[in-house]
Amino acid sequence: MLKVAIVGASGYTGIELLRLLHGHPEVAVTCVTSEQSAGKNVAEIFPTLRSRYNLVLENLEPVRIAERADFIFTALPHKAAMEVVPTFLKLGKRVVDLSADYRLHDAKEYAAWYEPHMNPELLKKAIYGLPELRREKIAEADLVANPGCYPTSIILGLAPLLKKKLVNPATIIADSKSGVSGAGRSAKVDNLYCEVNDGFKAYGVGGVHRHIPEIEQELSLLAGKQLTITFTPHLVPMDRGILSTIYAAPAGEASLAGLVELYRDFYHGEAFVRVLPENNFPSTAFVRGSNFCDIGLTVDKRTGRIVIVSAIDNLIKGASGQAIQNMNIMNGFPENLGLESLGLFP
């Protein structure tokens, strides 16, 4: 039985890790931390866990945590993660980090979008944890950087086209919408009910959203050359879910039937990517509560552009579910273990 600690367990990604790991036959959660809620039982913070967990949230003391856990999830804000991850690694623990701290390979790029990195030597060691593209490296890694939610939806949506060089990378536009849980659980005026309800707004407009370097890094690796994209995120008045609509000009003739076949071949055997039939498009309602990424596509006959639509649950495939998928790979478990739940509908 793999003994697991969740560092930063009182946020939305923490509750999802606890919920999903409760049904994992090879895992026992032995330690949970929260600086703000230390001393409280997790069921006080998350009543859905009543009678299922009897864990008390602790202060973050890496050495004590490492004594009781074989594997660590760090579900902390950026900067907070890089303060403790090196200690866990030195103590021989394997880590999946759900923050942004180890997603970028270049320390200068990280500093430009966040702040100077405290342990830049680990950026080259960390493996970007998108299983559909990095499975073999994830299996051998000690440190996996769990992808962001927006990047997951966009990278999976574009990977087959960029890998086969079927689109002009300079023409990529990604328009993404997210539920409010993507902003985290901490109190913020912009996320209050009266601020969000009955509203639909863009934010991070004009190439300033912090997920951009992560998206461009991974898309550039797929394309084999440096690229930039136009990315605009939007906040939708719903709890969870991401829908990304992605546009790109084809590099040659593009047939819809050929594109659907390409995607089905590319993702053949992938447990959590579902390619929809021609002119069928995903909805966040059909992936809610699941680890699936649904992808639909078409060709706009008027403009010639390829249009890809992808949908994920931002807290599952965009965070905690993908983290467990990575944990499974790192420990030699079946990749879908603990993640077989279908979406919740309605």
Protein backbone atom coordinates (compact mmCIF):
# COMPACT_ATOMS: atom_id res chain seq x y z
CA MET A 1 0.00 0.00 0.00
CA LEU A 2 1.46 3.37 -1.05
CA LYS A 3 1.41 5.88 1.82
CA VAL A 4 0.57 9.33 0.45
CA ALA A 5 0.73 12.85 1.88
CA ILE A 6 -1.22 15.79 0.50
CA VAL A 7 0.57 19.05 1.26
CA GLY A 8 -1.94 21.87 0.99
CA ALA A 9 -5.08 19.80 1.39
CA SER A 10 -7.64 22.48 2.22
CA GLY A 11 -8.11 23.87 -1.31
CA TYR A 12 -10.23 22.57 -4.16
CA THR A 13 -7.41 20.44 -5.56
CA GLY A 14 -6.86 19.01 -2.07
CA ILE A 15 -10.47 17.90 -1.67
CA GLU A 16 -10.44 16.35 -5.13
CA LEU A 17 -7.27 14.42 -4.31
CA LEU A 18 -8.89 13.13 -1.14
CA ARG A 19 -12.14 12.25 -2.90
CA LEU A 20 -10.46 10.38 -5.73
CA LEU A 21 -7.83 8.65 -3.60
CA HIS A 22 -10.52 7.29 -1.28
CA GLY A 23 -11.47 4.90 -4.07
CA HIS A 24 -7.87 3.99 -4.99
CA PRO A 25 -7.13 0.39 -3.95
CA GLU A 26 -3.35 0.86 -3.75
CA VAL A 27 -3.19 4.11 -1.75
CA ALA A 28 -3.58 5.13 1.88
CA VAL A 29 -3.58 8.87 2.65
CA THR A 30 -1.54 9.17 5.85
CA CYS A 31 -0.93 12.90 6.16
CA VAL A 32 -2.68 16.14 5.15
CA THR A 33 -1.47 19.68 5.78
CA SER A 34 -2.95 23.16 5.86
CA GLU A 35 -1.36 26.22 7.40
CA GLN A 36 -4.70 28.01 7.77
CA SER A 37 -6.73 25.06 9.05
CA ALA A 38 -4.16 23.10 11.08
CA GLY A 39 -5.74 21.22 13.96
CA LYS A 40 -9.07 20.71 12.25
CA ASN A 41 -10.39 17.41 10.94
CA VAL A 42 -10.69 17.37 7.15
CA ALA A 43 -14.41 16.58 7.54
CA GLU A 44 -14.84 19.97 9.24
CA ILE A 45 -13.42 21.68 6.17
CA PHE A 46 -15.06 19.35 3.65
CA PRO A 47 -18.28 17.78 5.01
CA THR A 48 -18.49 15.46 1.98
CA LEU A 49 -15.67 13.48 3.62
CA ARG A 50 -17.62 12.68 6.79
CA SER A 51 -17.27 9.03 7.86
CA ARG A 52 -14.69 8.46 5.12
CA TYR A 53 -11.59 10.20 6.50
CA ASN A 54 -10.52 10.80 10.08
CA LEU A 55 -7.44 12.88 9.31
CA VAL A 56 -6.40 16.04 11.14
CA LEU A 57 -4.82 18.81 9.11
CA GLU A 58 -1.26 19.55 10.22
CA ASN A 59 1.27 22.32 9.87
CA LEU A 60 3.75 21.86 7.08
CA GLU A 61 6.85 20.17 8.52
CA PRO A 62 8.54 18.32 5.62
CA VAL A 63 10.73 16.00 7.72
CA ARG A 64 7.81 14.80 9.86
CA ILE A 65 5.64 14.33 6.78
CA ALA A 66 8.34 12.35 4.99
CA GLU A 67 8.54 9.95 7.95
CA ARG A 68 4.92 8.91 7.35
CA ALA A 69 4.58 9.03 3.57
CA ASP A 70 6.21 7.40 0.58
CA PHE A 71 4.76 9.76 -2.02
CA ILE A 72 3.96 13.48 -1.86
CA PHE A 73 1.41 15.64 -3.63
CA THR A 74 2.15 19.35 -3.19
CA ALA A 75 -1.02 21.33 -3.80
CA LEU A 76 0.38 24.69 -2.78
CA PRO A 77 0.45 28.13 -4.42
CA HIS A 78 3.47 29.00 -6.54
CA LYS A 79 6.55 29.92 -4.50
CA ALA A 80 5.23 27.97 -1.49
CA ALA A 81 5.86 24.72 -3.38
CA MET A 82 9.48 25.47 -4.23
CA GLU A 83 10.18 26.13 -0.55
CA VAL A 84 9.47 22.49 0.38
CA VAL A 85 9.82 20.31 -2.72
CA PRO A 86 13.66 20.16 -2.57
CA THR A 87 13.47 18.85 1.00
CA PHE A 88 11.10 16.06 0.03
CA LEU A 89 13.38 15.07 -2.86
CA LYS A 90 16.46 15.06 -0.62
CA LEU A 91 14.58 12.76 1.76
CA GLY A 92 14.07 10.30 -1.09
CA LYS A 93 10.40 11.02 -1.76
CA ARG A 94 8.82 11.25 -5.19
CA VAL A 95 6.67 14.31 -5.77
CA VAL A 96 3.86 15.46 -8.03
CA ASP A 97 3.66 19.23 -7.73
CA LEU A 98 0.36 20.87 -8.70
CA SER A 99 1.69 24.44 -8.59
CA ALA A 100 3.36 26.32 -11.45
CA ASP A 101 6.78 26.19 -9.84
CA TYR A 102 8.33 23.41 -11.94
CA ARG A 103 6.37 23.57 -15.20
CA LEU A 104 8.74 25.93 -17.02
CA HIS A 105 12.16 24.65 -18.08
CA ASP A 106 13.82 28.08 -18.21
CA ALA A 107 14.52 29.92 -14.95
CA LYS A 108 14.62 33.28 -16.74
CA GLU A 109 11.19 32.60 -18.23
CA TYR A 110 9.85 31.68 -14.80
CA ALA A 111 11.26 34.89 -13.32
CA ALA A 112 9.71 36.97 -16.10
CA TRP A 113 6.21 35.65 -15.40
CA TYR A 114 6.42 34.95 -11.65
CA GLU A 115 9.57 35.79 -9.66
CA PRO A 116 13.15 34.53 -9.33
CA HIS A 117 13.21 30.77 -8.82
CA MET A 118 14.63 29.46 -5.54
CA ASN A 119 15.92 26.15 -6.96
CA PRO A 120 16.37 26.58 -10.72
CA GLU A 121 18.52 23.44 -10.91
CA LEU A 122 15.34 21.39 -10.48
CA LEU A 123 13.65 22.88 -13.55
CA LYS A 124 15.64 20.65 -15.88
CA LYS A 125 14.98 17.62 -13.71
CA ALA A 126 11.21 18.09 -13.43
CA ILE A 127 9.10 16.29 -16.05
CA TYR A 128 6.05 18.02 -17.46
CA GLY A 129 3.28 15.66 -16.44
CA LEU A 130 0.98 15.38 -19.44
CA PRO A 131 0.72 11.56 -19.59
CA GLU A 132 -0.51 11.36 -23.18
CA LEU A 133 2.75 13.00 -24.31
CA ARG A 134 5.33 12.24 -21.58
CA ARG A 135 4.40 8.82 -20.24
CA GLU A 136 7.84 7.18 -20.45
CA LYS A 137 9.66 10.09 -18.79
CA ILE A 138 7.01 10.39 -16.09
CA ALA A 139 7.52 6.74 -15.16
CA GLU A 140 11.18 7.38 -14.30
CA ALA A 141 10.76 10.82 -12.71
CA ASP A 142 11.22 11.81 -9.07
CA LEU A 143 9.56 15.20 -9.66
CA VAL A 144 6.58 15.69 -11.96
CA ALA A 145 5.16 19.13 -12.68
CA ASN A 146 1.43 18.67 -13.04
CA PRO A 147 0.14 20.76 -15.97
CA GLY A 148 -2.15 23.74 -15.59
CA CYS A 149 -5.82 23.43 -16.44
CA TYR A 150 -5.96 25.76 -19.44
CA PRO A 151 -2.72 24.30 -20.87
CA THR A 152 -4.06 20.75 -20.59
CA SER A 153 -7.13 21.58 -22.66
CA ILE A 154 -5.15 23.48 -25.31
CA ILE A 155 -2.13 21.18 -25.63
CA LEU A 156 -4.26 18.03 -25.97
CA GLY A 157 -6.42 19.86 -28.49
CA LEU A 158 -3.48 20.84 -30.70
CA ALA A 159 -0.95 18.02 -30.21
CA PRO A 160 -1.87 15.84 -33.23
CA LEU A 161 -1.87 18.79 -35.64
CA LEU A 162 1.45 20.21 -34.44
CA LYS A 163 3.16 16.83 -34.23
CA LYS A 164 2.21 16.12 -37.86
CA LYS A 165 2.93 19.74 -38.91
CA LEU A 166 -0.56 20.15 -40.35
CA VAL A 167 -1.16 23.73 -39.19
CA ASN A 168 0.64 27.04 -39.45
CA PRO A 169 1.79 27.61 -35.82
CA ALA A 170 1.76 31.39 -36.28
CA THR A 171 -2.03 31.35 -36.72
CA ILE A 172 -3.04 29.66 -33.45
CA ILE A 173 -5.70 31.37 -31.36
CA ALA A 174 -7.06 29.80 -28.17
CA ASP A 175 -10.24 31.12 -26.57
CA SER A 176 -10.91 29.41 -23.23
CA LYS A 177 -13.66 29.58 -20.62
CA SER A 178 -13.32 28.37 -17.03
CA GLY A 179 -15.55 27.84 -14.03
CA VAL A 180 -14.85 29.91 -10.91
CA SER A 181 -13.15 27.07 -9.02
CA GLY A 182 -10.16 27.60 -11.30
CA ALA A 183 -9.33 30.70 -9.26
CA GLY A 184 -8.92 28.67 -6.08
CA ARG A 185 -10.69 28.66 -2.74
CA SER A 186 -9.22 31.75 -1.09
CA ALA A 187 -11.53 34.74 -0.63
CA LYS A 188 -11.29 37.26 -3.49
CA VAL A 189 -13.69 40.09 -4.28
CA ASP A 190 -13.72 39.18 -8.00
CA ASN A 191 -15.02 35.70 -7.12
CA LEU A 192 -17.85 36.72 -4.82
CA TYR A 193 -21.31 35.52 -5.86
CA CYS A 194 -22.56 39.01 -6.73
CA GLU A 195 -19.43 39.68 -8.78
CA VAL A 196 -19.67 36.45 -10.79
CA ASN A 197 -23.36 35.52 -11.06
CA ASP A 198 -25.07 36.54 -14.32
CA GLY A 199 -21.74 37.68 -15.71
CA PHE A 200 -19.32 36.40 -18.33
CA LYS A 201 -16.02 38.18 -18.71
CA ALA A 202 -12.58 37.96 -20.24
CA TYR A 203 -9.53 38.44 -18.06
CA GLY A 204 -5.78 38.28 -18.55
CA VAL A 205 -6.41 39.83 -21.98
CA GLY A 206 -3.56 40.81 -24.28
CA GLY A 207 -1.01 38.08 -23.67
CA VAL A 208 -0.53 38.53 -19.94
CA HIS A 209 -1.99 35.32 -18.44
CA ARG A 210 0.62 33.26 -16.59
CA HIS A 211 -0.31 30.04 -18.37
CA ILE A 212 0.93 31.44 -21.69
CA PRO A 213 4.63 30.49 -21.30
CA GLU A 214 3.64 26.97 -20.25
CA ILE A 215 1.35 26.56 -23.26
CA GLU A 216 3.93 27.98 -25.67
CA GLN A 217 6.74 25.86 -24.22
CA GLU A 218 4.89 22.61 -24.80
CA LEU A 219 3.40 23.58 -28.17
CA SER A 220 6.85 24.65 -29.36
CA LEU A 221 8.27 21.25 -28.44
CA LEU A 222 5.49 19.59 -30.43
CA ALA A 223 6.00 21.88 -33.42
CA GLY A 224 9.78 21.57 -33.36
CA LYS A 225 10.21 25.36 -33.35
CA GLN A 226 9.47 28.34 -31.17
CA LEU A 227 5.93 29.66 -31.49
CA THR A 228 3.65 32.20 -29.89
CA ILE A 229 -0.12 32.07 -29.62
CA THR A 230 -3.01 34.39 -28.89
CA PHE A 231 -4.70 33.18 -25.71
CA THR A 232 -7.70 34.76 -23.99
CA PRO A 233 -9.25 33.19 -20.88
CA HIS A 234 -12.79 33.90 -19.71
CA LEU A 235 -14.61 33.41 -16.42
CA VAL A 236 -17.99 31.67 -16.63
CA PRO A 237 -20.50 31.68 -13.73
CA MET A 238 -20.31 27.94 -13.08
CA ASP A 239 -18.43 25.91 -10.48
CA ARG A 240 -16.11 23.88 -12.65
CA GLY A 241 -15.13 22.99 -16.19
CA ILE A 242 -13.02 24.37 -19.02
CA LEU A 243 -14.05 24.69 -22.66
CA SER A 244 -11.34 25.75 -25.10
CA THR A 245 -12.06 26.71 -28.69
CA ILE A 246 -8.87 26.73 -30.73
CA TYR A 247 -8.38 28.10 -34.25
CA ALA A 248 -5.52 27.49 -36.67
CA ALA A 249 -4.91 27.79 -40.40
CA PRO A 250 -4.00 24.48 -42.05
CA ALA A 251 -0.60 24.06 -43.65
CA GLY A 252 -2.27 22.46 -46.70
CA GLU A 253 -5.59 20.95 -47.66
CA ALA A 254 -7.61 19.87 -44.65
CA SER A 255 -10.42 17.34 -44.74
CA LEU A 256 -12.63 16.87 -41.72
CA ALA A 257 -12.78 13.09 -42.11
CA GLY A 258 -8.99 12.99 -42.32
CA LEU A 259 -8.60 15.14 -39.22
CA VAL A 260 -10.95 12.99 -37.14
CA GLU A 261 -9.05 9.89 -38.25
CA LEU A 262 -5.75 11.57 -37.35
CA TYR A 263 -6.97 12.39 -33.84
CA ARG A 264 -8.38 8.92 -33.30
CA ASP A 265 -5.09 7.35 -34.36
CA PHE A 266 -3.03 9.78 -32.25
CA TYR A 267 -5.07 9.12 -29.11
CA HIS A 268 -5.75 5.44 -29.77
CA GLY A 269 -5.58 3.53 -26.51
CA GLU A 270 -5.63 6.64 -24.34
CA ALA A 271 -7.99 6.03 -21.44
CA PHE A 272 -8.89 9.66 -20.88
CA VAL A 273 -9.08 11.34 -24.29
CA ARG A 274 -12.32 10.91 -26.23
CA VAL A 275 -12.35 12.07 -29.85
CA LEU A 276 -15.90 12.85 -30.94
CA PRO A 277 -17.45 12.06 -34.34
CA GLU A 278 -17.43 14.64 -37.13
CA ASN A 279 -19.22 17.89 -36.27
CA ASN A 280 -19.91 16.76 -32.71
CA PHE A 281 -18.58 19.09 -30.02
CA PRO A 282 -17.91 18.63 -26.32
CA SER A 283 -19.62 20.23 -23.37
CA THR A 284 -18.27 20.74 -19.87
CA ALA A 285 -21.48 19.07 -18.67
CA PHE A 286 -20.31 15.72 -20.06
CA VAL A 287 -16.87 15.69 -18.42
CA ARG A 288 -17.86 17.18 -15.06
CA GLY A 289 -16.44 15.06 -12.23
CA SER A 290 -14.37 12.89 -14.59
CA ASN A 291 -10.79 12.69 -15.81
CA PHE A 292 -11.79 12.84 -19.47
CA CYS A 293 -10.76 15.33 -22.11
CA ASP A 294 -13.35 15.40 -24.91
CA ILE A 295 -12.26 16.78 -28.28
CA GLY A 296 -14.38 17.74 -31.29
CA LEU A 297 -13.25 19.43 -34.46
CA THR A 298 -14.37 20.80 -37.78
CA VAL A 299 -13.14 22.77 -40.77
CA ASP A 300 -14.63 26.21 -41.34
CA LYS A 301 -15.33 26.07 -45.09
CA ARG A 302 -15.64 29.85 -45.37
CA THR A 303 -12.25 30.69 -43.86
CA GLY A 304 -10.47 27.37 -44.30
CA ARG A 305 -9.47 27.36 -40.64
CA ILE A 306 -9.45 24.26 -38.47
CA VAL A 307 -11.54 24.63 -35.31
CA ILE A 308 -10.84 22.38 -32.32
CA VAL A 309 -13.03 22.34 -29.21
CA SER A 310 -11.86 20.59 -26.05
CA ALA A 311 -13.56 20.18 -22.67
CA ILE A 312 -12.19 19.08 -19.30
CA ASP A 313 -13.09 19.32 -15.65
CA ASN A 314 -10.51 21.86 -14.48
CA LEU A 315 -10.24 20.23 -11.05
CA ILE A 316 -9.84 16.67 -12.35
CA LYS A 317 -8.06 16.32 -15.70
CA GLY A 318 -6.93 19.91 -15.18
CA ALA A 319 -5.48 19.22 -11.73
CA SER A 320 -6.06 16.41 -9.22
CA GLY A 321 -7.14 13.61 -11.56
CA GLN A 322 -4.15 14.17 -13.79
CA ALA A 323 -1.92 14.26 -10.68
CA ILE A 324 -3.21 10.81 -9.71
CA GLN A 325 -2.76 9.63 -13.29
CA ASN A 326 0.89 10.70 -12.96
CA MET A 327 1.21 9.01 -9.55
CA ASN A 328 -0.10 5.78 -11.06
CA ILE A 329 2.47 5.90 -13.85
CA MET A 330 5.32 6.70 -11.45
CA ASN A 331 4.44 3.73 -9.23
CA GLY A 332 3.68 1.15 -11.91
CA PHE A 333 -0.05 1.05 -11.21
CA PRO A 334 -2.61 0.80 -14.02
CA GLU A 335 -2.96 4.37 -15.27
CA ASN A 336 -6.71 4.50 -14.81
CA LEU A 337 -6.69 3.15 -11.24
CA GLY A 338 -8.94 5.27 -9.04
CA LEU A 339 -9.99 7.40 -12.01
CA GLU A 340 -12.73 5.39 -13.66
CA SER A 341 -15.63 7.59 -12.51
CA LEU A 342 -17.89 8.77 -15.31
CA GLY A 343 -19.00 12.37 -15.49
CA LEU A 344 -21.87 13.66 -13.34
CA PHE A 345 -24.96 14.55 -15.38
CA PRO A 346 -27.13 16.46 -14.97
